[in-house]
Protein backbone atom coordinates (compact mmCIF):
# COMPACT_ATOMS: atom_id res chain seq x y z
CA MET A 1 0.97 -24.05 -14.85
CA ARG A 2 0.15 -20.88 -16.74
CA ARG A 3 -3.55 -20.06 -16.97
CA TRP A 4 -4.53 -18.34 -20.23
CA ILE A 5 -7.54 -16.05 -20.46
CA PRO A 6 -9.98 -17.11 -23.12
CA MET A 7 -9.67 -14.78 -26.08
CA THR A 8 -13.29 -13.64 -25.97
CA ILE A 9 -12.92 -12.56 -22.35
CA LEU A 10 -9.66 -10.75 -23.04
CA VAL A 11 -11.10 -8.90 -26.04
CA TRP A 12 -14.13 -7.84 -24.00
CA ALA A 13 -11.86 -6.67 -21.19
CA LEU A 14 -9.82 -4.51 -23.53
CA MET A 15 -12.99 -2.84 -24.77
CA THR A 16 -13.93 -1.70 -21.28
CA PRO A 17 -12.20 1.27 -19.65
CA ALA A 18 -11.55 -0.51 -16.40
CA GLY A 19 -10.46 -3.80 -17.92
CA TRP A 20 -13.07 -5.70 -15.92
CA CYS A 21 -14.05 -9.27 -16.76
CA GLN A 22 -17.45 -10.52 -15.69
CA ASP A 23 -16.38 -14.17 -15.63
CA ALA A 24 -12.63 -13.98 -15.13
CA PRO A 25 -11.11 -17.30 -14.05
CA VAL A 26 -10.40 -18.06 -10.40
CA SER A 27 -7.29 -20.07 -9.48
CA ASP A 28 -7.73 -23.52 -7.95
CA ALA A 29 -6.05 -22.35 -4.74
CA THR A 30 -8.34 -19.34 -4.37
CA GLN A 31 -11.38 -21.49 -5.12
CA GLU A 32 -10.40 -23.76 -2.23
CA CYS A 33 -10.19 -20.71 0.02
CA LEU A 34 -13.60 -19.50 -1.13
CA ASP A 35 -15.25 -22.88 -0.62
CA CYS A 36 -14.39 -22.81 3.09
CA HIS A 37 -14.42 -19.13 3.91
CA ALA A 38 -17.76 -18.52 2.23
CA VAL A 39 -19.12 -20.64 5.10
CA PHE A 40 -16.91 -19.42 7.94
CA HIS A 41 -16.46 -15.77 6.88
CA PRO A 42 -19.16 -14.91 4.36
CA GLY A 43 -18.71 -11.18 4.88
CA ILE A 44 -15.09 -11.35 3.76
CA VAL A 45 -15.92 -13.35 0.67
CA GLU A 46 -18.80 -11.14 -0.41
CA ASP A 47 -16.72 -8.03 0.15
CA TRP A 48 -14.05 -9.47 -2.12
CA ARG A 49 -16.62 -10.42 -4.77
CA SER A 50 -17.78 -6.79 -4.88
CA GLY A 51 -14.34 -5.48 -5.74
CA ARG A 52 -12.29 -5.03 -8.88
CA HIS A 53 -9.82 -7.78 -7.94
CA ALA A 54 -12.57 -10.40 -8.22
CA ALA A 55 -13.62 -9.21 -11.67
CA THR A 56 -10.40 -8.84 -13.62
CA THR A 57 -6.99 -10.42 -14.06
CA PRO A 58 -3.56 -8.79 -13.92
CA GLN A 59 -3.11 -9.75 -17.56
CA ALA A 60 -6.24 -7.86 -18.58
CA ALA A 61 -5.41 -4.92 -16.33
CA MET A 62 -1.92 -4.64 -17.81
CA SER A 63 -3.40 -4.52 -21.29
CA VAL A 64 -5.16 -1.25 -20.55
CA GLU A 65 -3.20 1.71 -21.93
CA GLY A 66 -3.05 5.41 -21.19
CA LEU A 67 -4.56 7.23 -18.24
CA GLU A 68 -7.15 4.50 -17.62
CA ARG A 69 -4.50 2.00 -16.58
CA LYS A 70 -4.46 1.17 -12.87
CA VAL A 71 -1.67 -1.40 -12.71
CA SER A 72 1.64 0.46 -12.60
CA SER A 73 3.99 -2.55 -12.60
CA THR A 74 5.56 -3.39 -15.94
CA ARG A 75 5.94 -7.05 -15.02
CA VAL A 76 3.72 -9.33 -12.96
CA PRO A 77 4.65 -12.95 -12.12
CA GLU A 78 3.40 -15.21 -14.87
CA GLU A 79 1.72 -17.62 -12.44
CA ILE A 80 -0.80 -14.98 -11.29
CA GLN A 81 -1.41 -13.16 -14.58
CA GLY A 82 -4.28 -15.24 -15.89
CA THR A 83 -6.56 -15.46 -12.87
CA VAL A 84 -8.32 -12.92 -10.72
CA VAL A 85 -6.53 -11.55 -7.70
CA GLY A 86 -8.05 -13.67 -4.99
CA CYS A 87 -7.24 -15.07 -1.56
CA ALA A 88 -4.29 -17.20 -2.64
CA GLU A 89 -2.80 -14.57 -4.94
CA CYS A 90 -2.31 -12.25 -1.96
CA HIS A 91 -1.99 -14.54 1.05
CA THR A 92 0.46 -17.03 -0.47
CA LEU A 93 2.60 -14.46 -2.28
CA ARG A 94 6.29 -14.30 -1.28
CA PRO A 95 5.87 -16.80 1.60
CA ASP A 96 9.56 -16.80 2.53
CA ALA A 97 9.47 -13.05 3.14
CA HIS A 98 6.74 -13.20 5.81
CA ALA A 99 7.46 -14.22 9.39
CA ASP A 100 3.79 -15.22 9.83
CA THR A 101 3.76 -17.80 7.02
CA PHE A 102 2.26 -21.09 8.19
CA GLU A 103 1.02 -24.31 6.62
CA HIS A 104 -2.72 -24.20 6.06
CA ASN A 105 -4.58 -26.94 4.20
CA GLY A 106 -1.60 -27.69 2.01
CA TYR A 107 -0.65 -24.08 1.29
CA ASN A 108 1.97 -21.74 2.79
CA VAL A 109 -0.25 -18.87 3.90
CA HIS A 110 0.54 -15.57 5.65
CA VAL A 111 -2.03 -13.56 7.58
CA VAL A 112 -0.84 -10.01 6.94
CA VAL A 113 -0.73 -8.73 3.37
CA SER A 114 1.79 -5.90 3.13
CA PRO A 115 2.57 -3.01 0.75
CA ASP A 116 5.41 -5.10 -0.66
CA ASP A 117 2.82 -7.70 -1.66
CA CYS A 118 0.61 -5.06 -3.28
CA LYS A 119 3.76 -3.80 -5.00
CA THR A 120 3.61 -6.87 -7.25
CA CYS A 121 1.00 -5.07 -9.35
CA HIS A 122 1.15 -1.51 -7.98
CA ALA A 123 4.88 -0.80 -7.93
CA THR A 124 4.73 2.96 -8.48
CA GLU A 125 2.15 3.53 -5.77
CA ALA A 126 4.04 1.37 -3.26
CA ASP A 127 7.32 3.15 -3.97
CA GLN A 128 5.66 6.54 -3.63
CA TYR A 129 4.05 5.53 -0.38
CA SER A 130 7.38 4.35 1.02
CA ARG A 131 8.65 7.93 0.58
CA ASN A 132 5.55 9.30 2.26
CA ILE A 133 5.71 10.64 5.82
CA MET A 134 2.75 8.40 6.68
CA ALA A 135 4.81 5.28 5.97
CA HIS A 136 7.17 6.36 8.75
CA ALA A 137 4.39 7.25 11.18
CA TYR A 138 5.27 4.54 13.70
CA ALA A 139 8.93 5.43 14.13
CA ASN A 140 8.23 9.17 13.86
CA LEU A 141 6.17 8.82 17.02
CA ALA A 142 7.86 5.96 18.85
CA ASP A 143 11.46 7.10 18.27
CA ASN A 144 10.99 10.78 19.10
CA ALA A 145 11.77 11.33 22.79
CA LEU A 146 9.72 14.53 22.99
CA TYR A 147 6.68 12.99 21.34
CA GLN A 148 7.00 10.08 23.73
CA GLN A 149 6.71 12.47 26.66
CA LEU A 150 3.45 13.81 25.21
CA GLN A 151 2.20 10.29 24.57
CA ARG A 152 3.06 9.16 28.10
CA SER A 153 1.25 12.09 29.66
CA ILE A 154 -1.89 11.17 27.71
CA LEU A 155 -1.90 7.37 27.73
CA GLY A 156 -0.29 6.65 31.09
CA THR A 157 -2.66 5.65 33.91
CA PRO A 158 -2.78 8.30 36.67
CA THR A 159 -2.59 7.04 40.26
CA LEU A 160 -2.35 8.61 43.69
CA LYS A 161 0.52 7.46 45.89
CA ASN A 162 0.89 9.03 49.34
CA GLY A 163 -1.03 12.03 48.10
CA ARG A 164 1.23 12.46 45.06
CA LEU A 165 -0.04 12.07 41.52
CA GLU A 166 2.00 9.54 39.57
CA THR A 167 1.62 8.11 36.09
CA VAL A 168 1.99 4.41 35.37
CA SER A 169 3.50 3.85 31.93
CA GLU A 170 1.09 2.89 29.21
CA ASN A 171 0.90 -0.79 28.22
CA ALA A 172 1.01 -2.25 24.70
CA ASP A 173 -2.77 -2.72 24.40
CA THR A 174 -3.42 0.88 25.40
CA LYS A 175 -0.94 2.17 22.83
CA ALA A 176 -2.34 -0.09 20.09
CA ASP A 177 -5.85 1.09 20.91
CA ALA A 178 -4.89 4.76 20.92
CA CYS A 179 -2.08 6.59 19.13
CA TYR A 180 -0.82 3.54 17.28
CA TYR A 181 -4.24 2.74 15.86
CA CYS A 182 -3.37 5.34 13.21
CA HIS A 183 0.42 5.47 13.45
CA GLY A 184 0.72 1.69 13.20
CA THR A 185 2.04 -1.04 15.47
CA VAL A 186 5.04 -3.35 15.24
CA LEU A 187 3.85 -6.81 14.22
CA GLU A 188 5.68 -9.79 15.64
CA VAL A 189 4.96 -13.53 15.71
CA THR A 190 5.21 -14.55 19.35
CA GLU A 191 4.07 -18.19 19.19
CA THR A 192 1.64 -20.55 17.50
CA GLU A 193 -1.51 -22.12 18.87
CA VAL A 194 -3.78 -24.97 17.87
CA ARG A 195 -7.46 -24.07 17.64
CA ASP A 196 -10.41 -26.44 17.48
CA THR A 197 -12.38 -25.14 14.49
CA ASP A 198 -15.37 -26.36 12.50
CA ALA A 199 -12.81 -27.65 10.02
CA GLY A 200 -10.92 -29.59 12.71
CA GLU A 201 -7.79 -28.73 14.67
CA LEU A 202 -5.69 -26.12 12.89
CA GLU A 203 -2.49 -24.32 13.91
CA PHE A 204 -2.24 -20.53 13.63
CA PRO A 205 0.46 -17.94 14.39
CA ILE A 206 -0.12 -15.52 17.27
CA ILE A 207 0.82 -12.00 16.16
CA ALA A 208 1.60 -9.22 18.64
CA GLY A 209 0.37 -5.79 17.53
CA TRP A 210 -2.43 -7.34 15.49
CA PRO A 211 -5.02 -6.32 14.38
CA ASN A 212 -3.87 -2.99 13.01
CA GLN A 213 -4.33 -0.96 9.81
CA GLY A 214 -2.09 1.95 10.78
CA VAL A 215 -0.40 3.95 8.06
CA GLY A 216 3.09 3.28 9.46
CA ARG A 217 2.63 -0.30 10.60
CA ILE A 218 5.84 -2.36 10.69
CA ASN A 219 4.93 -5.54 8.86
CA LEU A 220 6.17 -9.08 9.20
CA ASP A 221 8.14 -8.82 5.97
CA GLY A 222 9.88 -5.64 7.14
CA SER A 223 7.81 -3.28 5.00
CA LYS A 224 6.10 -0.20 6.39
CA GLY A 225 2.49 0.87 6.20
CA ALA A 226 -0.84 -0.66 5.31
CA CYS A 227 -2.57 -0.11 1.99
CA THR A 228 -5.75 -1.15 3.79
CA ALA A 229 -5.67 2.04 5.84
CA CYS A 230 -7.21 3.76 2.80
CA HIS A 231 -8.31 0.79 0.66
CA PRO A 232 -10.08 -1.39 3.26
CA ARG A 233 -10.12 -5.17 2.97
CA HIS A 234 -11.28 -7.07 0.98
CA SER A 235 -12.80 -5.03 -1.81
CA PHE A 236 -9.85 -2.59 -1.72
CA SER A 237 -12.20 -0.03 -3.20
CA MET A 238 -10.77 2.97 -4.99
CA ALA A 239 -14.13 4.69 -4.60
CA MET A 240 -13.98 4.25 -0.84
CA ALA A 241 -10.45 5.70 -0.72
CA ARG A 242 -11.67 8.75 -2.62
CA LYS A 243 -14.41 9.55 -0.11
CA PRO A 244 -13.67 11.76 2.91
CA HIS A 245 -15.06 9.19 5.36
CA THR A 246 -11.92 7.09 4.86
CA CYS A 247 -9.60 9.96 5.77
CA LYS A 248 -11.88 10.79 8.69
CA GLU A 249 -10.70 7.65 10.47
CA CYS A 250 -7.49 9.46 11.48
CA HIS A 251 -8.10 13.09 10.51
CA VAL A 252 -11.12 14.13 12.53
CA GLY A 253 -9.49 16.20 15.28
CA PRO A 254 -9.17 18.20 17.35
CA ASP A 255 -5.43 17.83 16.69
CA VAL A 256 -6.00 17.17 12.95
CA PRO A 257 -9.54 18.48 12.37
CA ALA A 258 -9.51 18.09 8.58
CA TYR A 259 -12.74 16.11 8.23
CA LYS A 260 -14.99 18.26 10.41
CA VAL A 261 -13.62 21.45 8.83
CA TYR A 262 -14.12 20.00 5.34
CA LEU A 263 -17.77 19.14 6.01
CA ALA A 264 -18.36 22.68 7.26
CA SER A 265 -16.78 24.21 4.15
CA LYS A 266 -18.51 25.05 0.88
CA HIS A 267 -16.74 22.08 -0.74
CA GLY A 268 -18.02 19.81 2.01
CA ASN A 269 -21.52 21.21 1.62
CA ILE A 270 -21.48 20.38 -2.11
CA TYR A 271 -20.10 16.91 -1.38
CA SER A 272 -22.77 16.17 1.25
CA SER A 273 -25.51 17.37 -1.08
CA LYS A 274 -24.41 15.84 -4.40
CA HIS A 275 -21.89 13.00 -3.90
CA GLN A 276 -24.58 10.44 -4.71
CA GLU A 277 -24.45 11.77 -8.28
CA TRP A 278 -20.66 11.46 -8.61
CA ASP A 279 -18.65 8.66 -10.18
CA PHE A 280 -15.96 7.62 -7.72
CA ASP A 281 -14.75 4.67 -9.81
CA LYS A 282 -13.55 6.50 -12.92
CA THR A 283 -9.88 6.61 -13.88
CA PRO A 284 -8.79 9.24 -14.59
CA TRP A 285 -11.09 11.34 -12.42
CA THR A 286 -12.48 14.21 -14.48
CA ILE A 287 -13.20 17.48 -12.73
CA GLY A 288 -16.65 18.83 -13.45
CA THR A 289 -18.15 15.61 -14.83
CA ASP A 290 -17.16 12.81 -12.43
CA PHE A 291 -17.26 15.13 -9.42
CA THR A 292 -17.97 18.82 -8.85
CA ALA A 293 -16.13 19.63 -5.62
CA PRO A 294 -12.82 18.36 -4.25
CA THR A 295 -12.50 15.60 -1.71
CA CYS A 296 -9.34 14.79 0.26
CA ALA A 297 -8.22 12.45 -2.53
CA ALA A 298 -8.83 15.03 -5.25
CA CYS A 299 -6.50 17.50 -3.58
CA HIS A 300 -3.82 15.13 -2.33
CA ILE A 301 -3.72 11.88 -4.32
CA SER A 302 -5.89 11.31 -7.37
CA LEU A 303 -5.05 11.51 -11.06
CA LEU A 304 -7.20 14.43 -12.26
CA THR A 305 -8.10 15.54 -15.75
CA ASN A 306 -10.22 18.35 -17.14
CA THR A 307 -13.01 17.93 -19.65
CA ASP A 308 -10.49 18.33 -22.50
CA GLU A 309 -8.75 15.18 -21.18
CA GLU A 310 -5.71 17.21 -20.12
CA VAL A 311 -3.94 16.10 -16.94
CA VAL A 312 -4.43 18.58 -14.10
CA ASN A 313 -2.48 16.59 -11.50
CA GLU A 314 -0.73 13.23 -11.65
CA ARG A 315 -1.70 10.39 -9.32
CA SER A 316 0.57 10.29 -6.26
CA HIS A 317 0.71 8.27 -3.05
CA GLU A 318 3.35 10.63 -1.67
CA MET A 319 0.83 12.84 0.09
CA SER A 320 3.04 15.85 0.79
CA ASN A 321 4.13 16.56 -2.79
CA ARG A 322 1.19 18.95 -3.21
CA LEU A 323 1.77 20.55 0.21
CA GLY A 324 4.24 23.31 0.96
CA TRP A 325 3.34 23.72 4.64
CA ARG A 326 2.93 21.25 7.47
CA ILE A 327 0.26 22.93 9.55
CA PHE A 328 -0.07 20.58 12.51
CA GLY A 329 2.25 18.91 14.98
CA LEU A 330 4.84 20.37 17.33
CA ILE A 331 4.75 23.39 17.81
CA TYR A 332 4.53 25.83 14.89
CA ALA A 333 3.40 25.49 11.27
CA HIS A 334 6.54 24.94 9.18
CA PRO A 335 7.74 23.88 5.72
CA GLN A 336 7.42 20.18 4.98
CA PRO A 337 10.34 17.97 6.09
CA LYS A 338 12.77 16.88 3.38
CA SER A 339 12.76 13.30 4.63
CA PRO A 340 9.72 11.26 5.68
CA ASP A 341 11.84 10.04 8.60
CA THR A 342 11.39 13.01 10.93
CA THR A 343 13.40 11.38 13.72
CA ILE A 344 16.56 12.73 12.09
CA ILE A 345 15.49 16.37 12.56
CA ARG A 346 17.36 18.47 15.08
CA ASN A 347 16.56 22.09 15.84
CA ASN A 348 19.10 24.64 17.06
CA ASP A 349 18.64 23.35 20.61
CA GLY A 350 19.36 19.76 19.58
CA LEU A 351 15.73 18.67 20.04
CA PRO A 352 13.97 16.44 17.46
CA LEU A 353 11.65 19.24 16.36
CA PRO A 354 11.25 21.08 13.03
CA THR A 355 11.32 24.40 14.92
CA ASP A 356 12.84 25.88 18.05
CA PHE A 357 10.54 26.77 20.93
CA ASN A 358 10.80 30.39 19.70
CA GLY A 359 9.69 29.42 16.20
CA GLY A 360 13.08 29.31 14.47
CA LEU A 361 13.20 26.73 11.66
CA ALA A 362 15.46 23.69 11.54
CA ARG A 363 16.16 24.70 7.92
CA ASP A 364 18.65 21.95 7.07
CA TYR A 365 15.85 19.40 7.47
CA LEU A 366 13.00 21.30 5.78
CA ILE A 367 12.21 21.96 2.13
CA SER A 368 13.34 25.24 0.58
CA ALA A 369 11.13 28.22 -0.22
CA ASP A 370 11.42 27.33 -3.93
CA GLU A 371 10.20 23.80 -3.26
CA GLN A 372 7.35 25.19 -1.18
CA ASP A 373 6.33 27.39 -4.10
CA ALA A 374 6.52 24.44 -6.52
CA ARG A 375 4.27 22.30 -4.33
CA THR A 376 1.86 25.18 -3.87
CA ARG A 377 1.57 25.61 -7.64
CA THR A 378 0.82 21.89 -7.97
CA MET A 379 -2.03 22.20 -5.47
CA GLN A 380 -3.31 25.41 -7.04
CA ALA A 381 -3.63 23.66 -10.41
CA THR A 382 -6.52 21.69 -8.92
CA CYS A 383 -8.11 24.88 -7.55
CA ARG A 384 -7.90 26.65 -10.92
CA ALA A 385 -9.87 23.88 -12.59
CA CYS A 386 -12.93 25.43 -10.92
CA HIS A 387 -11.80 28.86 -9.69
CA ASP A 388 -10.23 31.83 -11.47
CA THR A 389 -6.78 33.12 -10.59
CA SER A 390 -8.02 35.98 -8.41
CA TRP A 391 -10.04 33.56 -6.25
CA VAL A 392 -7.07 31.23 -5.83
CA GLN A 393 -4.66 34.07 -5.04
CA GLY A 394 -7.09 35.56 -2.53
CA HIS A 395 -7.51 32.20 -0.81
CA TRP A 396 -3.76 31.67 -0.53
CA GLN A 397 -3.23 35.18 0.77
CA ARG A 398 -5.62 34.45 3.63
CA TYR A 399 -4.06 31.05 4.23
CA THR A 400 -0.49 32.36 4.52
CA ASN A 401 -1.74 35.17 6.75
CA THR A 402 -3.34 32.57 9.02
CA ILE A 403 -0.08 30.62 9.25
CA ARG A 404 1.81 33.80 10.13
CA GLU A 405 -0.72 34.97 12.73
CA THR A 406 -1.22 31.61 14.45
CA ASN A 407 2.55 31.15 14.66
CA LYS A 408 2.78 34.60 16.30
CA ALA A 409 0.11 33.66 18.84
CA THR A 410 1.87 30.35 19.50
CA GLN A 411 5.17 32.17 20.05
CA THR A 412 3.52 34.49 22.59
CA LEU A 413 2.09 31.45 24.37
CA THR A 414 5.47 29.73 24.36
CA ASP A 415 7.26 32.86 25.63
CA ILE A 416 4.86 32.87 28.58
CA MET A 417 5.38 29.15 29.13
CA ASN A 418 9.15 29.55 28.98
CA GLU A 419 8.98 32.15 31.74
CA ILE A 420 6.82 29.81 33.82
CA TRP A 421 9.51 27.13 33.44
CA THR A 422 12.35 29.57 34.08
CA ARG A 423 10.75 30.82 37.30
CA GLY A 424 10.24 27.25 38.45
CA TYR A 425 6.46 27.44 38.55
CA ALA A 426 6.41 24.28 36.43
CA ARG A 427 9.07 21.73 35.50
CA GLY A 428 9.89 21.63 31.82
CA PRO A 429 12.69 20.86 29.35
CA GLY A 430 15.15 23.11 31.16
CA GLN A 431 14.83 20.90 34.23
CA GLY A 432 14.97 17.73 32.17
CA GLN A 433 11.27 17.11 32.84
CA ASN A 434 8.20 16.29 30.73
CA PRO A 435 6.81 19.57 29.30
CA PHE A 436 3.29 18.13 28.96
CA ASP A 437 2.38 16.52 32.28
CA GLU A 438 1.34 19.50 34.42
CA ALA A 439 -2.03 21.24 34.17
CA VAL A 440 -0.55 24.60 33.18
CA GLU A 441 1.53 22.87 30.50
CA ARG A 442 -1.64 21.33 29.12
CA GLU A 443 -3.11 24.81 28.79
CA TRP A 444 -0.11 25.69 26.64
CA SER A 445 -0.12 22.54 24.50
CA ASP A 446 -3.91 22.61 24.01
CA ALA A 447 -3.55 26.07 22.51
CA TRP A 448 -1.28 25.08 19.62
CA LEU A 449 -2.17 21.38 19.32
CA PHE A 450 -5.92 22.01 19.05
CA TYR A 451 -6.83 25.67 18.60
CA ALA A 452 -4.02 26.94 16.34
CA ASN A 453 -4.31 23.78 14.24
CA THR A 454 -8.07 24.22 13.82
CA VAL A 455 -7.62 27.81 12.68
CA ARG A 456 -5.07 26.71 10.09
CA PHE A 457 -7.20 23.86 8.76
CA ALA A 458 -10.25 26.12 8.57
CA SER A 459 -8.25 28.59 6.51
CA ALA A 460 -6.52 25.99 4.32
CA MET A 461 -9.79 24.26 3.42
CA ALA A 462 -11.90 27.38 3.01
CA GLY A 463 -13.96 26.20 5.95
CA GLY A 464 -13.56 29.36 8.00
CA GLY A 465 -16.39 30.96 9.87
CA ASP A 466 -17.52 29.03 12.92
CA TYR A 467 -14.75 26.42 12.97
CA GLY A 468 -12.09 29.05 12.47
CA VAL A 469 -13.51 31.28 15.23
CA PHE A 470 -15.67 29.64 17.89
CA ALA A 471 -15.32 25.86 17.35
CA ASP A 472 -11.82 25.33 18.75
CA GLY A 473 -10.57 28.32 16.75
CA ARG A 474 -9.50 31.91 17.28
CA TYR A 475 -11.75 32.46 20.29
CA GLN A 476 -10.19 29.56 22.19
CA LEU A 477 -6.68 30.49 21.05
CA SER A 478 -6.98 34.07 22.26
CA HIS A 479 -8.54 32.88 25.52
CA ALA A 480 -5.65 30.47 26.05
CA VAL A 481 -3.11 33.29 25.67
CA ALA A 482 -5.00 35.47 28.14
CA ALA A 483 -5.51 32.63 30.63
CA LEU A 484 -1.86 31.54 30.56
CA HIS A 485 -0.65 35.12 31.03
CA GLU A 486 -3.08 35.63 33.91
CA TRP A 487 -1.82 32.40 35.52
CA LEU A 488 1.76 33.64 35.28
CA GLU A 489 0.87 37.05 36.73
CA SER A 490 -0.97 35.42 39.63
CA ARG A 491 2.08 33.29 40.48
CA ARG A 492 4.34 36.34 40.26
CA LYS A 493 2.14 38.24 42.71
CA LEU A 494 1.99 35.26 45.06
CA GLU A 495 5.77 34.91 44.94
CA SER A 496 6.20 38.65 45.63
CA LEU A 497 3.83 38.46 48.59
CA GLU A 498 5.68 35.46 49.99
CA THR A 499 9.01 37.26 49.85
CA ARG A 500 7.60 40.25 51.78
CA ILE A 501 6.28 38.07 54.56
CA LYS A 502 9.22 36.99 56.69
CA PRO A 503 9.25 33.57 58.35
CA GLY A 504 7.76 33.70 61.83
CA LYS A 505 6.20 37.10 61.23
CA THR A 506 2.58 37.99 60.48
CA GLU A 507 1.07 41.14 59.03
């Protein structure tokens, strides 16, 4: 049965920028959920009550026009238009599509709400996210043989066997607790179990890979990702997604040191000092009035306007469309991939890498120089809302110089490492072995995975100084080059000495 919003409520909603309704109706099904879960899980219920979903209806939200509109879908199922978006509206939606759907108190309920569920109201954002490299984060890690070698060397349990160091392969819980916490797990219903609860005996599905909020999670309806990675349950707060603490969950370093570099930057200093005065709930987000320094969301995601109500940047959940360079990963900084599925990339050596070991680009799989320039201009539009052209140009000049110089240092490191492998001092790709599991190989990978990346992030985010030099920056990078070269020279000298000393002869 269709539930109509009382006219007075609808009129009031249309008069408010956000389309919020103080007393929007709750569906009977959701009310049943609330009656029980307010007792069993009061934190969940109160979190939901604090959010926008509990205060407005899809019908009211769809009535909002212009830049203030948050619902991007043009059509929403009639049966959920007139009530707030509550428990039942999300957890009983599309039951046939979810492998974890089970009968619960007379309703077909699924545990995991997916991006395809959120797509019911937020179609544009869901479609954009599906084209985002983050949505493919699970497969980009799990299906890349080289990345798997790095993962195994980190997560595998080291053991000694007859004096030899061996690594026991990592188990599913270790992976879920480590790399796949951010990259996402594969969810799978393995069985059901009956639990004795305060409400009596109830049957629940057992889900492998759960819990997880990873950005590339493979869901039980086949969709990829988790909106809750950035918009945590159950308030799904836009304000929370706009604050750097949310991004910090996966971007804190040292491999992706964005958060710590940001806090050390001038922008981060302003944020730390003044964010209590900012309005993180406004749509659109106006530069200079709602906030006075960029956050992660301001640069990469949010719909931004200036004080003349002109659009500076459109809202986007395809994070790379304002980024020309990918400045972290294996092994060099490089243009962004064309496809979010990076498993298809092959360099000139046939490896699934965006560059060769000597820095040559796998150009067929990477965006063009023109596309890089276009994305750079999009990002610079945000910068110019507060900075003049000379400031922006000067910043980008330093940034591109940093990319060039750190790539040169990385190439020198890799040239040294290649000679170590060639001489047989370590066993690497040429011998069909893991290039990350020996101590000297870790010296090499630490240099570009941590130090070169930190230098680039410090430069990109105008957070130079200490982080770009002494805190996992240029100092450590230059030391790594010197140390690796010294290690190679020492082995050369030892090898030369051994060849001069004949077997059975002493000097």
